[in-house]
C-alpha atoms as a PDB file:
ATOM      1  CA  UNK A   1      98.252  82.568  92.906  1.00  0.00           C
ATOM      2  CA  UNK A   2      95.814  81.092  94.813  1.00  0.00           C
ATOM      3  CA  UNK A   3      92.637  82.260  96.384  1.00  0.00           C
ATOM      4  CA  UNK A   4      93.290  79.921  99.086  1.00  0.00           C
ATOM      5  CA  UNK A   5      95.814  79.625 101.535  1.00  0.00           C
ATOM      6  CA  UNK A   6      98.469  76.744 101.205  1.00  0.00           C
ATOM      7  CA  UNK A   7      97.637  74.260 103.211  1.00  0.00           C
ATOM      8  CA  UNK A   8     101.702  74.701 104.757  1.00  0.00           C
ATOM      9  CA  UNK A   9     100.744  77.781 105.817  1.00  0.00           C
ATOM     10  CA  UNK A  10      97.039  76.696 107.068  1.00  0.00           C
ATOM     11  CA  UNK A  11      99.201  74.565 109.329  1.00  0.00           C
ATOM     12  CA  UNK A  12     101.411  76.600 110.122  1.00  0.00           C
ATOM     13  CA  UNK A  13      99.106  79.591 111.100  1.00  0.00           C
ATOM     14  CA  UNK A  14      97.215  76.851 113.046  1.00  0.00           C
ATOM     15  CA  UNK A  15      99.950  76.139 115.589  1.00  0.00           C
ATOM     16  CA  UNK A  16     101.005  79.702 115.732  1.00  0.00           C
ATOM     17  CA  UNK A  17      97.693  80.420 116.944  1.00  0.00           C
ATOM     18  CA  UNK A  18      98.268  77.511 119.121  1.00  0.00           C
ATOM     19  CA  UNK A  19     101.201  79.406 121.061  1.00  0.00           C
ATOM     20  CA  UNK A  20     103.749  76.375 119.144  1.00  0.00           C
ATOM     21  CA  UNK A  21     106.756  78.528 120.032  1.00  0.00           C
ATOM     22  CA  UNK A  22     108.637  76.332 117.068  1.00  0.00           C
ATOM     23  CA  UNK A  23     105.399  77.782 114.594  1.00  0.00           C
ATOM     24  CA  UNK A  24     105.564  81.137 115.512  1.00  0.00           C
ATOM     25  CA  UNK A  25     109.531  81.217 115.062  1.00  0.00           C
ATOM     26  CA  UNK A  26     108.813  79.668 111.807  1.00  0.00           C
ATOM     27  CA  UNK A  27     106.021  81.872 110.665  1.00  0.00           C
ATOM     28  CA  UNK A  28     108.077  85.317 111.713  1.00  0.00           C
ATOM     29  CA  UNK A  29     111.267  84.409 109.449  1.00  0.00           C
ATOM     30  CA  UNK A  30     108.428  83.737 106.410  1.00  0.00           C
ATOM     31  CA  UNK A  31     106.720  86.878 107.506  1.00  0.00           C
ATOM     32  CA  UNK A  32     109.833  88.876 108.295  1.00  0.00           C
ATOM     33  CA  UNK A  33     111.537  88.025 105.268  1.00  0.00           C
ATOM     34  CA  UNK A  34     108.770  89.372 102.745  1.00  0.00           C
ATOM     35  CA  UNK A  35     107.999  92.492 104.643  1.00  0.00           C
ATOM     36  CA  UNK A  36     111.795  92.987 104.524  1.00  0.00           C
ATOM     37  CA  UNK A  37     111.667  92.634 100.997  1.00  0.00           C
ATOM     38  CA  UNK A  38     108.574  94.536 100.132  1.00  0.00           C
ATOM     39  CA  UNK A  39     109.458  97.655 102.594  1.00  0.00           C
ATOM     40  CA  UNK A  40     112.868  97.740 100.663  1.00  0.00           C
ATOM     41  CA  UNK A  41     111.465  97.892  97.227  1.00  0.00           C
ATOM     42  CA  UNK A  42     108.864 100.510  98.172  1.00  0.00           C
ATOM     43  CA  UNK A  43     111.245 102.671 100.135  1.00  0.00           C
ATOM     44  CA  UNK A  44     114.445 102.068  98.479  1.00  0.00           C
ATOM     45  CA  UNK A  45     116.209 102.815 101.949  1.00  0.00           C
ATOM     46  CA  UNK A  46     117.842  99.349 104.294  1.00  0.00           C
ATOM     47  CA  UNK A  47     117.622 101.230 107.301  1.00  0.00           C
ATOM     48  CA  UNK A  48     113.785 102.587 106.606  1.00  0.00           C
ATOM     49  CA  UNK A  49     113.191  98.753 105.062  1.00  0.00           C
ATOM     50  CA  UNK A  50     114.327  97.118 108.776  1.00  0.00           C
ATOM     51  CA  UNK A  51     112.296  99.238 110.562  1.00  0.00           C
ATOM     52  CA  UNK A  52     109.303  98.731 108.336  1.00  0.00           C
ATOM     53  CA  UNK A  53     109.371  95.102 108.357  1.00  0.00           C
ATOM     54  CA  UNK A  54     109.922  94.848 112.305  1.00  0.00           C
ATOM     55  CA  UNK A  55     107.147  96.758 112.817  1.00  0.00           C
ATOM     56  CA  UNK A  56     105.063  94.916 110.733  1.00  0.00           C
ATOM     57  CA  UNK A  57     106.178  91.991 111.841  1.00  0.00           C
ATOM     58  CA  UNK A  58     104.972  92.831 115.335  1.00  0.00           C
ATOM     59  CA  UNK A  59     101.801  94.158 114.074  1.00  0.00           C
ATOM     60  CA  UNK A  60     100.880  90.544 111.953  1.00  0.00           C
ATOM     61  CA  UNK A  61     101.436  89.014 115.092  1.00  0.00           C
ATOM     62  CA  UNK A  62      99.654  91.218 117.406  1.00  0.00           C
ATOM     63  CA  UNK A  63      96.255  90.602 115.125  1.00  0.00           C
ATOM     64  CA  UNK A  64      97.371  86.899 114.062  1.00  0.00           C
ATOM     65  CA  UNK A  65      93.725  85.898 115.625  1.00  0.00           C
ATOM     66  CA  UNK A  66      92.003  88.051 113.250  1.00  0.00           C
ATOM     67  CA  UNK A  67      93.422  87.042 110.209  1.00  0.00           C
ATOM     68  CA  UNK A  68      90.869  84.697 107.670  1.00  0.00           C
ATOM     69  CA  UNK A  69      92.955  81.593 108.000  1.00  0.00           C
ATOM     70  CA  UNK A  70      90.888  81.272 104.413  1.00  0.00           C
ATOM     71  CA  UNK A  71      92.790  83.345 102.697  1.00  0.00           C
ATOM     72  CA  UNK A  72      96.216  83.889 101.524  1.00  0.00           C
ATOM     73  CA  UNK A  73      98.748  85.160 103.771  1.00  0.00           C
ATOM     74  CA  UNK A  74     100.805  87.603 101.665  1.00  0.00           C
ATOM     75  CA  UNK A  75      97.856  90.056 100.830  1.00  0.00           C
ATOM     76  CA  UNK A  76      97.285  90.704 104.361  1.00  0.00           C
ATOM     77  CA  UNK A  77     101.343  91.226 105.246  1.00  0.00           C
ATOM     78  CA  UNK A  78     101.815  93.539 102.099  1.00  0.00           C
ATOM     79  CA  UNK A  79      98.914  95.713 103.052  1.00  0.00           C
ATOM     80  CA  UNK A  80     100.355  96.354 106.753  1.00  0.00           C
ATOM     81  CA  UNK A  81     103.572  97.323 105.582  1.00  0.00           C
ATOM     82  CA  UNK A  82     102.709  99.235 103.365  1.00  0.00           C
ATOM     83  CA  UNK A  83     100.833 101.250 105.364  1.00  0.00           C
ATOM     84  CA  UNK A  84     103.727 101.476 108.314  1.00  0.00           C
ATOM     85  CA  UNK A  85     106.261 102.343 105.567  1.00  0.00           C
ATOM     86  CA  UNK A  86     103.556 105.100 103.840  1.00  0.00           C
ATOM     87  CA  UNK A  87     103.822 106.709 107.734  1.00  0.00           C
ATOM     88  CA  UNK A  88     107.693 106.723 107.933  1.00  0.00           C
ATOM     89  CA  UNK A  89     108.220 108.627 104.400  1.00  0.00           C
ATOM     90  CA  UNK A  90     105.970 110.950 104.718  1.00  0.00           C
ATOM     91  CA  UNK A  91     108.472 112.139 107.809  1.00  0.00           C
ATOM     92  CA  UNK A  92     111.920 111.418 106.093  1.00  0.00           C
ATOM     93  CA  UNK A  93     113.156 111.874 102.658  1.00  0.00           C
ATOM     94  CA  UNK A  94     114.520 108.704 101.262  1.00  0.00           C
ATOM     95  CA  UNK A  95     117.413 108.233  99.097  1.00  0.00           C
ATOM     96  CA  UNK A  96     116.122 105.488  96.886  1.00  0.00           C
ATOM     97  CA  UNK A  97     118.840 105.285  94.503  1.00  0.00           C
ATOM     98  CA  UNK A  98     121.937 105.325  96.668  1.00  0.00           C
ATOM     99  CA  UNK A  99     120.802 103.140  98.901  1.00  0.00           C
ATOM    100  CA  UNK A 100     119.590 100.479  96.111  1.00  0.00           C
ATOM    101  CA  UNK A 101     122.662 100.324  95.089  1.00  0.00           C
ATOM    102  CA  UNK A 102     124.289  99.633  97.896  1.00  0.00           C
ATOM    103  CA  UNK A 103     122.020  96.883  99.034  1.00  0.00           C
ATOM    104  CA  UNK A 104     122.644  95.397  95.600  1.00  0.00           C
ATOM    105  CA  UNK A 105     126.246  95.463  96.018  1.00  0.00           C
ATOM    106  CA  UNK A 106     125.570  93.201  99.177  1.00  0.00           C
ATOM    107  CA  UNK A 107     123.404  90.567  96.631  1.00  0.00           C
ATOM    108  CA  UNK A 108     120.102  90.275  95.869  1.00  0.00           C
ATOM    109  CA  UNK A 109     118.522  88.318  98.559  1.00  0.00           C
ATOM    110  CA  UNK A 110     117.674  84.902  96.606  1.00  0.00           C
ATOM    111  CA  UNK A 111     120.232  82.468  96.919  1.00  0.00           C
ATOM    112  CA  UNK A 112     123.019  82.439  94.980  1.00  0.00           C
ATOM    113  CA  UNK A 113     123.837  79.269  91.945  1.00  0.00           C
ATOM    114  CA  UNK A 114     126.661  78.203  92.788  1.00  0.00           C
ATOM    115  CA  UNK A 115     126.891  76.335  89.180  1.00  0.00           C
ATOM    116  CA  UNK A 116     126.241  80.144  88.353  1.00  0.00           C
ATOM    117  CA  UNK A 117     128.887  81.329  85.553  1.00  0.00           C
ATOM    118  CA  UNK A 118     130.868  84.020  87.301  1.00  0.00           C
ATOM    119  CA  UNK A 119     131.100  86.788  83.637  1.00  0.00           C
ATOM    120  CA  UNK A 120     126.880  85.282  82.862  1.00  0.00           C
ATOM    121  CA  UNK A 121     126.253  86.303  87.140  1.00  0.00           C
ATOM    122  CA  UNK A 122     128.040  89.569  86.887  1.00  0.00           C
ATOM    123  CA  UNK A 123     126.077  90.807  83.842  1.00  0.00           C
ATOM    124  CA  UNK A 124     123.098  89.371  85.485  1.00  0.00           C
ATOM    125  CA  UNK A 125     123.925  91.768  88.456  1.00  0.00           C
ATOM    126  CA  UNK A 126     124.422  94.613  86.325  1.00  0.00           C
ATOM    127  CA  UNK A 127     121.382  94.563  84.698  1.00  0.00           C
ATOM    128  CA  UNK A 128     119.269  93.967  87.744  1.00  0.00           C
ATOM    129  CA  UNK A 129     121.011  97.057  89.202  1.00  0.00           C
ATOM    130  CA  UNK A 130     119.702  99.138  86.145  1.00  0.00           C
ATOM    131  CA  UNK A 131     116.241  98.453  86.307  1.00  0.00           C
ATOM    132  CA  UNK A 132     116.007  98.764  90.528  1.00  0.00           C
ATOM    133  CA  UNK A 133     117.558 102.354  89.603  1.00  0.00           C
ATOM    134  CA  UNK A 134     114.382 102.251  86.950  1.00  0.00           C
ATOM    135  CA  UNK A 135     111.783 101.159  88.924  1.00  0.00           C
ATOM    136  CA  UNK A 136     113.191 103.335  92.293  1.00  0.00           C
ATOM    137  CA  UNK A 137     112.404 107.075  89.610  1.00  0.00           C
ATOM    138  CA  UNK A 138     108.964 105.755  89.184  1.00  0.00           C
ATOM    139  CA  UNK A 139     106.065 107.424  90.714  1.00  0.00           C
ATOM    140  CA  UNK A 140     105.224 105.770  93.880  1.00  0.00           C
ATOM    141  CA  UNK A 141     101.638 104.763  93.286  1.00  0.00           C
ATOM    142  CA  UNK A 142     102.988 102.629  89.903  1.00  0.00           C
ATOM    143  CA  UNK A 143     106.328 101.493  91.696  1.00  0.00           C
ATOM    144  CA  UNK A 144     104.385  99.334  94.508  1.00  0.00           C
ATOM    145  CA  UNK A 145     102.085  97.699  91.833  1.00  0.00           C
ATOM    146  CA  UNK A 146     104.551  96.892  89.772  1.00  0.00           C
ATOM    147  CA  UNK A 147     106.931  95.213  92.546  1.00  0.00           C
ATOM    148  CA  UNK A 148     103.487  93.475  93.899  1.00  0.00           C
ATOM    149  CA  UNK A 149     102.596  91.928  90.228  1.00  0.00           C
ATOM    150  CA  UNK A 150     106.131  91.587  88.808  1.00  0.00           C
ATOM    151  CA  UNK A 151     108.349  90.901  91.593  1.00  0.00           C
ATOM    152  CA  UNK A 152     105.322  89.181  94.170  1.00  0.00           C
ATOM    153  CA  UNK A 153     102.642  87.529  91.800  1.00  0.00           C
ATOM    154  CA  UNK A 154     100.251  88.895  93.871  1.00  0.00           C
ATOM    155  CA  UNK A 155      96.406  88.951  91.439  1.00  0.00           C
ATOM    156  CA  UNK A 156      94.622  92.027  90.663  1.00  0.00           C
ATOM    157  CA  UNK A 157      92.461  91.108  92.730  1.00  0.00           C
ATOM    158  CA  UNK A 158      95.085  90.788  95.406  1.00  0.00           C
ATOM    159  CA  UNK A 159      96.914  94.430  94.808  1.00  0.00           C
ATOM    160  CA  UNK A 160      93.193  95.933  94.765  1.00  0.00           C
ATOM    161  CA  UNK A 161      92.433  94.652  98.292  1.00  0.00           C
ATOM    162  CA  UNK A 162      96.681  95.553  99.772  1.00  0.00           C
ATOM    163  CA  UNK A 163      96.018  98.845  98.568  1.00  0.00           C
ATOM    164  CA  UNK A 164      92.430  99.822  98.490  1.00  0.00           C
ATOM    165  CA  UNK A 165      91.605 100.605  95.127  1.00  0.00           C
ATOM    166  CA  UNK A 166      89.442  99.331  92.377  1.00  0.00           C
ATOM    167  CA  UNK A 167      90.873  96.490  90.168  1.00  0.00           C
ATOM    168  CA  UNK A 168      90.323  98.713  86.982  1.00  0.00           C
ATOM    169  CA  UNK A 169      93.082 101.337  88.625  1.00  0.00           C
ATOM    170  CA  UNK A 170      94.681  98.332  88.828  1.00  0.00           C
ATOM    171  CA  UNK A 171      95.648  97.362  85.617  1.00  0.00           C
ATOM    172  CA  UNK A 172      95.733 100.596  84.256  1.00  0.00           C
ATOM    173  CA  UNK A 173      98.798 102.070  86.838  1.00  0.00           C
ATOM    174  CA  UNK A 174     100.639  98.738  85.820  1.00  0.00           C
ATOM    175  CA  UNK A 175     100.541  99.430  82.732  1.00  0.00           C
ATOM    176  CA  UNK A 176     101.429 102.425  82.698  1.00  0.00           C
ATOM    177  CA  UNK A 177     104.267 101.468  84.819  1.00  0.00           C
ATOM    178  CA  UNK A 178     105.505  99.066  82.697  1.00  0.00           C
ATOM    179  CA  UNK A 179     105.223 101.720  80.173  1.00  0.00           C
ATOM    180  CA  UNK A 180     107.476 104.148  82.163  1.00  0.00           C
ATOM    181  CA  UNK A 181     109.858 101.551  83.445  1.00  0.00           C
ATOM    182  CA  UNK A 182     110.312 101.149  79.608  1.00  0.00           C
ATOM    183  CA  UNK A 183     111.244 104.551  78.590  1.00  0.00           C
ATOM    184  CA  UNK A 184     113.688 104.693  82.028  1.00  0.00           C
ATOM    185  CA  UNK A 185     115.530 101.992  80.394  1.00  0.00           C
ATOM    186  CA  UNK A 186     115.654 103.624  76.646  1.00  0.00           C
ATOM    187  CA  UNK A 187     116.892 106.374  78.320  1.00  0.00           C
ATOM    188  CA  UNK A 188     119.328 105.465  80.934  1.00  0.00           C
ATOM    189  CA  UNK A 189     120.836 103.155  77.697  1.00  0.00           C
ATOM    190  CA  UNK A 190     120.806 106.130  75.270  1.00  0.00           C
ATOM    191  CA  UNK A 191     122.631 108.199  78.295  1.00  0.00           C
ATOM    192  CA  UNK A 192     125.259 105.038  78.971  1.00  0.00           C
ATOM    193  CA  UNK A 193     126.063 105.497  75.161  1.00  0.00           C
ATOM    194  CA  UNK A 194     126.164 109.361  74.623  1.00  0.00           C
ATOM    195  CA  UNK A 195     128.913 108.698  77.536  1.00  0.00           C
ATOM    196  CA  UNK A 196     132.418 108.414  76.807  1.00  0.00           C
ATOM    197  CA  UNK A 197     133.145 104.391  76.210  1.00  0.00           C
ATOM    198  CA  UNK A 198     129.656 103.991  77.367  1.00  0.00           C
ATOM    199  CA  UNK A 199     130.162 104.142  80.987  1.00  0.00           C
ATOM    200  CA  UNK A 200     128.380 105.707  83.180  1.00  0.00           C
ATOM    201  CA  UNK A 201     129.773 108.395  85.984  1.00  0.00           C
ATOM    202  CA  UNK A 202     131.504 107.210  89.370  1.00  0.00           C
ATOM    203  CA  UNK A 203     128.805 109.036  91.336  1.00  0.00           C
ATOM    204  CA  UNK A 204     125.930 107.453  90.211  1.00  0.00           C
END
């Protein structure tokens, strides 16, 4: 990801700062969706994610005039969202497995490909659910770095900025997160094979 803000985002920010209604609405949609997806990935519950995203977008606009227009929007947005999510998660217990499964049952937030093969799409959906269950089992510090790097494509420098940690720590935690995810997926696969007909219980 470039360290410079894309030209389209720069123009949108300038118009939004000038109070143009359409620009502010477009920017709200742009950051609102990104805020919700990231909030859901780190909290695991749609209800909490919606609260976090709404509050994060509100704070984003409250401090819009302070934002450095020469820097990308996403790292700053994710820092706001992460701080709000951590505040909420200190006060409530999050049921990640059930909530992520329910969210995936409703469909991935990306637009569906109308030309996709139904069987292949179902297989990808099952794999996606397995991966998200595994991600939700990672320690919070590893999960945050994993989704910021592998799902939101932030650079090591940008992740270090979001999490307020050294880049070396980002790299070491990302390595540990990927290693942990592989181990969880292998364990899940072995458990599935040990069950009758290779199927998991209905309670999961």
